[in-house]
Amino acid sequence: MVRRQAPAKSQREPTIALINIVFLMLVFFMVAGTLSHPLDRTLSLVKTTELEGRAPPDTLVIHADGRLAFRGTDQPDIQRFFDSLAEDDRQTIRLVPDRDLPAQTLVTLTRDLRAAGAERIIIVTERSLR
């Protein structure tokens, strides 16, 4: 009598099943749990979309046409602006460029500030949540 041998069982580990279970647990806890307490439904947040922006007080404002302004007064050029600063204010210069200012103009002005003796130049920008 000829006996048929049963096919050999593979010795695979059931990792796929474990991965599926962990994934399903992850999805369950993401749906069921909360990471933070929800806001009160009657609360209405402040809207800041209509606020007019204003430059910080000790910054050199550069308008789109290249005009310079510091503390509300126009500045004729970078060298005169830099010479009018106190010694303590000459180390770090903060710039607020207009959004429409050409990048080449901004690079030229920062080079002029470096040549005048500015050690550190910070460009102040608007932070958006969009």
N, C-alpha and C. Protein backbone atom coordinates (compact mmCIF):
# COMPACT_ATOMS: atom_id res chain seq x y z
N MET A 1 0.82 -1.15 0.00
CA MET A 1 0.00 0.00 0.00
C MET A 1 0.89 1.24 0.00
N VAL A 2 0.56 2.13 -0.84
CA VAL A 2 1.35 3.33 -1.00
C VAL A 2 0.74 4.42 -0.11
N ARG A 3 1.55 4.94 0.72
CA ARG A 3 1.10 5.99 1.62
C ARG A 3 1.49 7.36 1.08
N ARG A 4 0.55 8.24 1.10
CA ARG A 4 0.86 9.59 0.64
C ARG A 4 1.33 10.40 1.82
N GLN A 5 2.36 11.14 1.57
CA GLN A 5 2.87 11.99 2.63
C GLN A 5 2.13 13.31 2.63
N ALA A 6 1.84 13.76 3.81
CA ALA A 6 1.18 15.06 3.95
C ALA A 6 2.20 16.16 3.62
N PRO A 7 1.73 17.21 2.95
CA PRO A 7 2.68 18.30 2.64
C PRO A 7 3.22 18.91 3.93
N ALA A 8 4.49 19.27 3.87
CA ALA A 8 5.15 19.84 5.05
C ALA A 8 4.55 21.21 5.36
N LYS A 9 4.27 21.45 6.63
CA LYS A 9 3.73 22.73 7.04
C LYS A 9 4.85 23.75 7.09
N SER A 10 4.53 24.94 6.63
CA SER A 10 5.56 25.99 6.67
C SER A 10 5.67 26.50 8.09
N GLN A 11 6.84 26.91 8.46
CA GLN A 11 7.12 27.38 9.82
C GLN A 11 7.09 28.91 9.87
N ARG A 12 6.10 29.53 9.25
CA ARG A 12 5.98 30.99 9.25
C ARG A 12 5.42 31.48 10.57
N GLU A 13 5.91 32.64 10.96
CA GLU A 13 5.37 33.27 12.16
C GLU A 13 4.17 34.12 11.76
N PRO A 14 3.19 34.20 12.63
CA PRO A 14 1.98 34.95 12.28
C PRO A 14 2.15 36.46 12.49
N THR A 15 3.14 37.08 11.84
CA THR A 15 3.38 38.51 12.04
C THR A 15 2.32 39.37 11.36
N ILE A 16 1.76 38.91 10.25
CA ILE A 16 0.74 39.69 9.56
C ILE A 16 -0.48 39.86 10.46
N ALA A 17 -0.86 38.83 11.13
CA ALA A 17 -2.01 38.92 12.03
C ALA A 17 -1.73 39.90 13.16
N LEU A 18 -0.54 39.88 13.69
CA LEU A 18 -0.17 40.80 14.77
C LEU A 18 -0.18 42.25 14.28
N ILE A 19 0.34 42.48 13.09
CA ILE A 19 0.34 43.83 12.50
C ILE A 19 -1.09 44.31 12.31
N ASN A 20 -1.97 43.44 11.84
CA ASN A 20 -3.37 43.82 11.64
C ASN A 20 -4.03 44.20 12.96
N ILE A 21 -3.76 43.46 14.00
CA ILE A 21 -4.36 43.75 15.30
C ILE A 21 -3.86 45.08 15.83
N VAL A 22 -2.57 45.32 15.74
CA VAL A 22 -2.01 46.59 16.21
C VAL A 22 -2.58 47.76 15.41
N PHE A 23 -2.71 47.59 14.11
CA PHE A 23 -3.27 48.65 13.28
C PHE A 23 -4.72 48.93 13.67
N LEU A 24 -5.52 47.89 13.88
CA LEU A 24 -6.91 48.09 14.28
C LEU A 24 -7.01 48.77 15.64
N MET A 25 -6.12 48.45 16.57
CA MET A 25 -6.10 49.11 17.87
C MET A 25 -5.76 50.59 17.70
N LEU A 26 -4.79 50.88 16.84
CA LEU A 26 -4.41 52.26 16.59
C LEU A 26 -5.59 53.06 16.05
N VAL A 27 -6.27 52.51 15.07
CA VAL A 27 -7.42 53.20 14.49
C VAL A 27 -8.51 53.38 15.54
N PHE A 28 -8.76 52.37 16.36
CA PHE A 28 -9.79 52.47 17.39
C PHE A 28 -9.47 53.59 18.36
N PHE A 29 -8.23 53.66 18.84
CA PHE A 29 -7.89 54.69 19.82
C PHE A 29 -7.84 56.09 19.21
N MET A 30 -7.52 56.17 17.93
CA MET A 30 -7.54 57.48 17.27
C MET A 30 -8.98 58.00 17.16
N VAL A 31 -9.91 57.10 16.90
CA VAL A 31 -11.30 57.51 16.75
C VAL A 31 -11.94 57.74 18.11
N ALA A 32 -11.68 56.85 19.05
CA ALA A 32 -12.36 56.90 20.34
C ALA A 32 -11.75 57.91 21.31
N GLY A 33 -10.46 58.11 21.24
CA GLY A 33 -9.79 58.98 22.21
C GLY A 33 -9.68 60.40 21.72
N THR A 34 -9.39 61.30 22.63
CA THR A 34 -9.12 62.69 22.27
C THR A 34 -7.76 63.06 22.81
N LEU A 35 -7.03 63.89 22.06
CA LEU A 35 -5.72 64.32 22.49
C LEU A 35 -5.80 65.52 23.41
N SER A 36 -6.82 66.31 23.28
CA SER A 36 -7.01 67.48 24.15
C SER A 36 -8.50 67.67 24.36
N HIS A 37 -8.82 68.40 25.39
CA HIS A 37 -10.22 68.65 25.67
C HIS A 37 -10.79 69.57 24.60
N PRO A 38 -11.99 69.28 24.13
CA PRO A 38 -12.59 70.16 23.12
C PRO A 38 -12.96 71.50 23.73
N LEU A 39 -12.97 72.53 22.88
CA LEU A 39 -13.37 73.86 23.32
C LEU A 39 -14.86 73.88 23.62
N ASP A 40 -15.23 74.78 24.50
CA ASP A 40 -16.64 74.97 24.80
C ASP A 40 -17.35 75.42 23.52
N ARG A 41 -18.47 74.81 23.22
CA ARG A 41 -19.18 75.11 21.97
C ARG A 41 -19.72 76.54 21.92
N THR A 42 -19.90 77.15 23.07
CA THR A 42 -20.42 78.52 23.10
C THR A 42 -19.31 79.55 22.95
N LEU A 43 -18.06 79.10 22.97
CA LEU A 43 -16.92 80.01 22.87
C LEU A 43 -16.71 80.42 21.43
N SER A 44 -16.52 81.72 21.20
CA SER A 44 -16.20 82.17 19.86
C SER A 44 -14.84 82.87 19.91
N LEU A 45 -13.92 82.42 19.07
CA LEU A 45 -12.55 82.90 19.09
C LEU A 45 -12.43 84.25 18.38
N VAL A 46 -11.40 84.99 18.74
CA VAL A 46 -11.12 86.29 18.14
C VAL A 46 -10.65 86.09 16.71
N LYS A 47 -11.14 86.93 15.80
CA LYS A 47 -10.71 86.86 14.40
C LYS A 47 -9.70 87.97 14.15
N THR A 48 -8.56 87.60 13.64
CA THR A 48 -7.50 88.58 13.41
C THR A 48 -7.24 88.83 11.93
N THR A 49 -8.10 88.35 11.06
CA THR A 49 -7.85 88.51 9.64
C THR A 49 -7.96 89.95 9.17
N GLU A 50 -8.71 90.77 9.87
CA GLU A 50 -8.91 92.15 9.46
C GLU A 50 -7.98 93.14 10.17
N LEU A 51 -7.09 92.66 11.03
CA LEU A 51 -6.19 93.56 11.74
C LEU A 51 -5.13 94.10 10.80
N GLU A 52 -4.77 95.33 10.98
CA GLU A 52 -3.73 95.93 10.18
C GLU A 52 -2.38 95.64 10.83
N GLY A 53 -1.43 95.15 10.04
CA GLY A 53 -0.11 94.84 10.58
C GLY A 53 0.67 96.10 10.90
N ARG A 54 1.55 96.01 11.86
CA ARG A 54 2.37 97.15 12.25
C ARG A 54 3.77 96.63 12.54
N ALA A 55 4.77 97.35 12.10
CA ALA A 55 6.15 96.93 12.29
C ALA A 55 6.56 97.11 13.75
N PRO A 56 7.44 96.25 14.26
CA PRO A 56 7.98 96.47 15.59
C PRO A 56 8.70 97.82 15.64
N PRO A 57 8.80 98.45 16.81
CA PRO A 57 9.29 99.84 16.88
C PRO A 57 10.75 100.03 16.48
N ASP A 58 11.62 99.12 16.76
CA ASP A 58 13.05 99.32 16.46
C ASP A 58 13.49 98.52 15.24
N THR A 59 12.76 98.67 14.16
CA THR A 59 13.11 97.97 12.93
C THR A 59 13.22 98.97 11.79
N LEU A 60 14.03 98.61 10.84
CA LEU A 60 14.15 99.41 9.61
C LEU A 60 13.14 98.84 8.62
N VAL A 61 12.16 99.65 8.27
CA VAL A 61 11.11 99.22 7.35
C VAL A 61 11.56 99.56 5.93
N ILE A 62 11.46 98.57 5.05
CA ILE A 62 11.82 98.77 3.64
C ILE A 62 10.54 98.61 2.82
N HIS A 63 10.10 99.70 2.22
CA HIS A 63 8.87 99.69 1.43
C HIS A 63 9.11 99.05 0.08
N ALA A 64 8.04 98.74 -0.62
CA ALA A 64 8.14 98.05 -1.91
C ALA A 64 8.93 98.84 -2.95
N ASP A 65 8.89 100.17 -2.85
CA ASP A 65 9.63 100.99 -3.81
C ASP A 65 11.07 101.26 -3.37
N GLY A 66 11.50 100.67 -2.23
CA GLY A 66 12.87 100.83 -1.77
C GLY A 66 13.07 101.91 -0.73
N ARG A 67 12.01 102.67 -0.39
CA ARG A 67 12.13 103.69 0.64
C ARG A 67 12.42 103.04 1.98
N LEU A 68 13.21 103.74 2.80
CA LEU A 68 13.58 103.26 4.13
C LEU A 68 12.92 104.13 5.19
N ALA A 69 12.43 103.50 6.26
CA ALA A 69 11.83 104.25 7.36
C ALA A 69 12.25 103.59 8.67
N PHE A 70 12.59 104.44 9.66
CA PHE A 70 12.98 103.95 10.98
C PHE A 70 12.26 104.79 12.02
N ARG A 71 11.48 104.12 12.87
CA ARG A 71 10.69 104.79 13.92
C ARG A 71 9.81 105.90 13.34
N GLY A 72 9.24 105.64 12.18
CA GLY A 72 8.29 106.57 11.58
C GLY A 72 8.90 107.68 10.75
N THR A 73 10.22 107.78 10.66
CA THR A 73 10.85 108.83 9.85
C THR A 73 11.59 108.19 8.69
N ASP A 74 11.51 108.86 7.54
CA ASP A 74 12.20 108.36 6.35
C ASP A 74 13.71 108.49 6.51
N GLN A 75 14.41 107.53 5.96
CA GLN A 75 15.87 107.51 6.00
C GLN A 75 16.40 107.69 4.57
N PRO A 76 17.37 108.58 4.38
CA PRO A 76 17.85 108.83 3.01
C PRO A 76 18.59 107.63 2.41
N ASP A 77 19.45 106.99 3.18
CA ASP A 77 20.17 105.81 2.69
C ASP A 77 20.65 104.98 3.87
N ILE A 78 21.23 103.83 3.55
CA ILE A 78 21.66 102.89 4.59
C ILE A 78 22.78 103.47 5.45
N GLN A 79 23.74 104.13 4.83
CA GLN A 79 24.88 104.63 5.60
C GLN A 79 24.44 105.69 6.62
N ARG A 80 23.59 106.61 6.21
CA ARG A 80 23.13 107.64 7.15
C ARG A 80 22.26 107.03 8.25
N PHE A 81 21.46 106.04 7.89
CA PHE A 81 20.66 105.34 8.91
C PHE A 81 21.59 104.69 9.93
N PHE A 82 22.60 103.99 9.45
CA PHE A 82 23.50 103.28 10.35
C PHE A 82 24.28 104.25 11.23
N ASP A 83 24.71 105.37 10.65
CA ASP A 83 25.45 106.38 11.43
C ASP A 83 24.59 107.03 12.50
N SER A 84 23.27 107.07 12.29
CA SER A 84 22.39 107.71 13.27
C SER A 84 22.09 106.81 14.48
N LEU A 85 22.44 105.54 14.39
CA LEU A 85 22.17 104.61 15.49
C LEU A 85 23.17 104.76 16.62
N ALA A 86 22.74 104.44 17.83
CA ALA A 86 23.65 104.40 18.98
C ALA A 86 24.54 103.17 18.83
N GLU A 87 25.67 103.17 19.50
CA GLU A 87 26.62 102.06 19.40
C GLU A 87 25.99 100.71 19.74
N ASP A 88 25.13 100.69 20.75
CA ASP A 88 24.50 99.43 21.16
C ASP A 88 23.54 98.89 20.12
N ASP A 89 22.93 99.80 19.36
CA ASP A 89 21.93 99.39 18.36
C ASP A 89 22.56 98.97 17.04
N ARG A 90 23.84 99.17 16.86
CA ARG A 90 24.49 98.87 15.58
C ARG A 90 24.84 97.40 15.41
N GLN A 91 24.84 96.64 16.47
CA GLN A 91 25.25 95.23 16.36
C GLN A 91 24.18 94.38 15.69
N THR A 92 22.94 94.56 16.08
CA THR A 92 21.84 93.78 15.50
C THR A 92 20.84 94.72 14.86
N ILE A 93 20.63 94.55 13.57
CA ILE A 93 19.68 95.37 12.81
C ILE A 93 18.51 94.47 12.41
N ARG A 94 17.31 94.94 12.69
CA ARG A 94 16.10 94.21 12.29
C ARG A 94 15.48 94.91 11.08
N LEU A 95 15.21 94.11 10.06
CA LEU A 95 14.61 94.63 8.83
C LEU A 95 13.20 94.08 8.67
N VAL A 96 12.28 94.94 8.25
CA VAL A 96 10.92 94.51 7.90
C VAL A 96 10.71 94.89 6.44
N PRO A 97 10.93 93.95 5.53
CA PRO A 97 10.73 94.26 4.11
C PRO A 97 9.27 94.12 3.72
N ASP A 98 8.85 94.96 2.79
CA ASP A 98 7.51 94.84 2.22
C ASP A 98 7.44 93.54 1.42
N ARG A 99 6.27 92.96 1.37
CA ARG A 99 6.09 91.69 0.64
C ARG A 99 6.43 91.84 -0.83
N ASP A 100 6.19 93.02 -1.40
CA ASP A 100 6.42 93.24 -2.82
C ASP A 100 7.81 93.78 -3.14
N LEU A 101 8.68 93.87 -2.14
CA LEU A 101 10.04 94.34 -2.37
C LEU A 101 10.81 93.29 -3.18
N PRO A 102 11.46 93.69 -4.26
CA PRO A 102 12.25 92.71 -5.03
C PRO A 102 13.38 92.13 -4.17
N ALA A 103 13.62 90.85 -4.33
CA ALA A 103 14.64 90.17 -3.53
C ALA A 103 16.02 90.77 -3.77
N GLN A 104 16.30 91.18 -4.99
CA GLN A 104 17.61 91.76 -5.29
C GLN A 104 17.84 93.05 -4.51
N THR A 105 16.78 93.85 -4.33
CA THR A 105 16.89 95.08 -3.54
C THR A 105 17.19 94.75 -2.09
N LEU A 106 16.52 93.73 -1.55
CA LEU A 106 16.77 93.32 -0.17
C LEU A 106 18.20 92.83 0.02
N VAL A 107 18.70 92.06 -0.93
CA VAL A 107 20.08 91.56 -0.85
C VAL A 107 21.07 92.73 -0.91
N THR A 108 20.82 93.67 -1.77
CA THR A 108 21.70 94.84 -1.88
C THR A 108 21.71 95.65 -0.58
N LEU A 109 20.53 95.85 0.01
CA LEU A 109 20.47 96.61 1.26
C LEU A 109 21.17 95.88 2.41
N THR A 110 21.04 94.57 2.48
CA THR A 110 21.74 93.83 3.54
C THR A 110 23.25 93.87 3.33
N ARG A 111 23.68 93.84 2.09
CA ARG A 111 25.13 93.97 1.81
C ARG A 111 25.63 95.35 2.25
N ASP A 112 24.84 96.39 1.98
CA ASP A 112 25.22 97.74 2.40
C ASP A 112 25.29 97.84 3.91
N LEU A 113 24.36 97.19 4.60
CA LEU A 113 24.41 97.19 6.07
C LEU A 113 25.65 96.48 6.59
N ARG A 114 26.00 95.38 5.98
CA ARG A 114 27.23 94.66 6.37
C ARG A 114 28.46 95.53 6.14
N ALA A 115 28.48 96.22 5.01
CA ALA A 115 29.61 97.08 4.69
C ALA A 115 29.69 98.25 5.67
N ALA A 116 28.53 98.71 6.17
CA ALA A 116 28.52 99.82 7.12
C ALA A 116 29.00 99.39 8.50
N GLY A 117 28.93 98.07 8.78
CA GLY A 117 29.41 97.58 10.06
C GLY A 117 28.43 96.78 10.88
N ALA A 118 27.27 96.46 10.33
CA ALA A 118 26.28 95.66 11.07
C ALA A 118 26.81 94.23 11.23
N GLU A 119 26.76 93.73 12.45
CA GLU A 119 27.26 92.38 12.72
C GLU A 119 26.19 91.32 12.47
N ARG A 120 24.95 91.65 12.79
CA ARG A 120 23.87 90.68 12.67
C ARG A 120 22.66 91.37 12.07
N ILE A 121 22.06 90.75 11.06
CA ILE A 121 20.88 91.31 10.40
C ILE A 121 19.76 90.28 10.50
N ILE A 122 18.63 90.72 11.05
CA ILE A 122 17.47 89.84 11.22
C ILE A 122 16.35 90.36 10.34
N ILE A 123 15.78 89.49 9.53
CA ILE A 123 14.64 89.86 8.69
C ILE A 123 13.38 89.40 9.39
N VAL A 124 12.52 90.35 9.73
CA VAL A 124 11.28 90.06 10.45
C VAL A 124 10.20 89.77 9.42
N THR A 125 9.52 88.64 9.58
CA THR A 125 8.46 88.25 8.65
C THR A 125 7.18 87.96 9.42
N GLU A 126 6.12 87.76 8.68
CA GLU A 126 4.83 87.43 9.27
C GLU A 126 4.70 85.92 9.33
N ARG A 127 4.20 85.43 10.45
CA ARG A 127 3.99 84.00 10.61
C ARG A 127 2.53 83.73 10.31
N SER A 128 2.28 82.73 9.48
CA SER A 128 0.91 82.42 9.08
C SER A 128 0.54 81.03 9.55
N LEU A 129 -0.72 80.84 9.86
CA LEU A 129 -1.20 79.54 10.27
C LEU A 129 -1.90 78.81 9.13
N ARG A 130 -1.81 79.33 7.94
CA ARG A 130 -2.47 78.70 6.79
C ARG A 130 -1.58 77.71 6.15
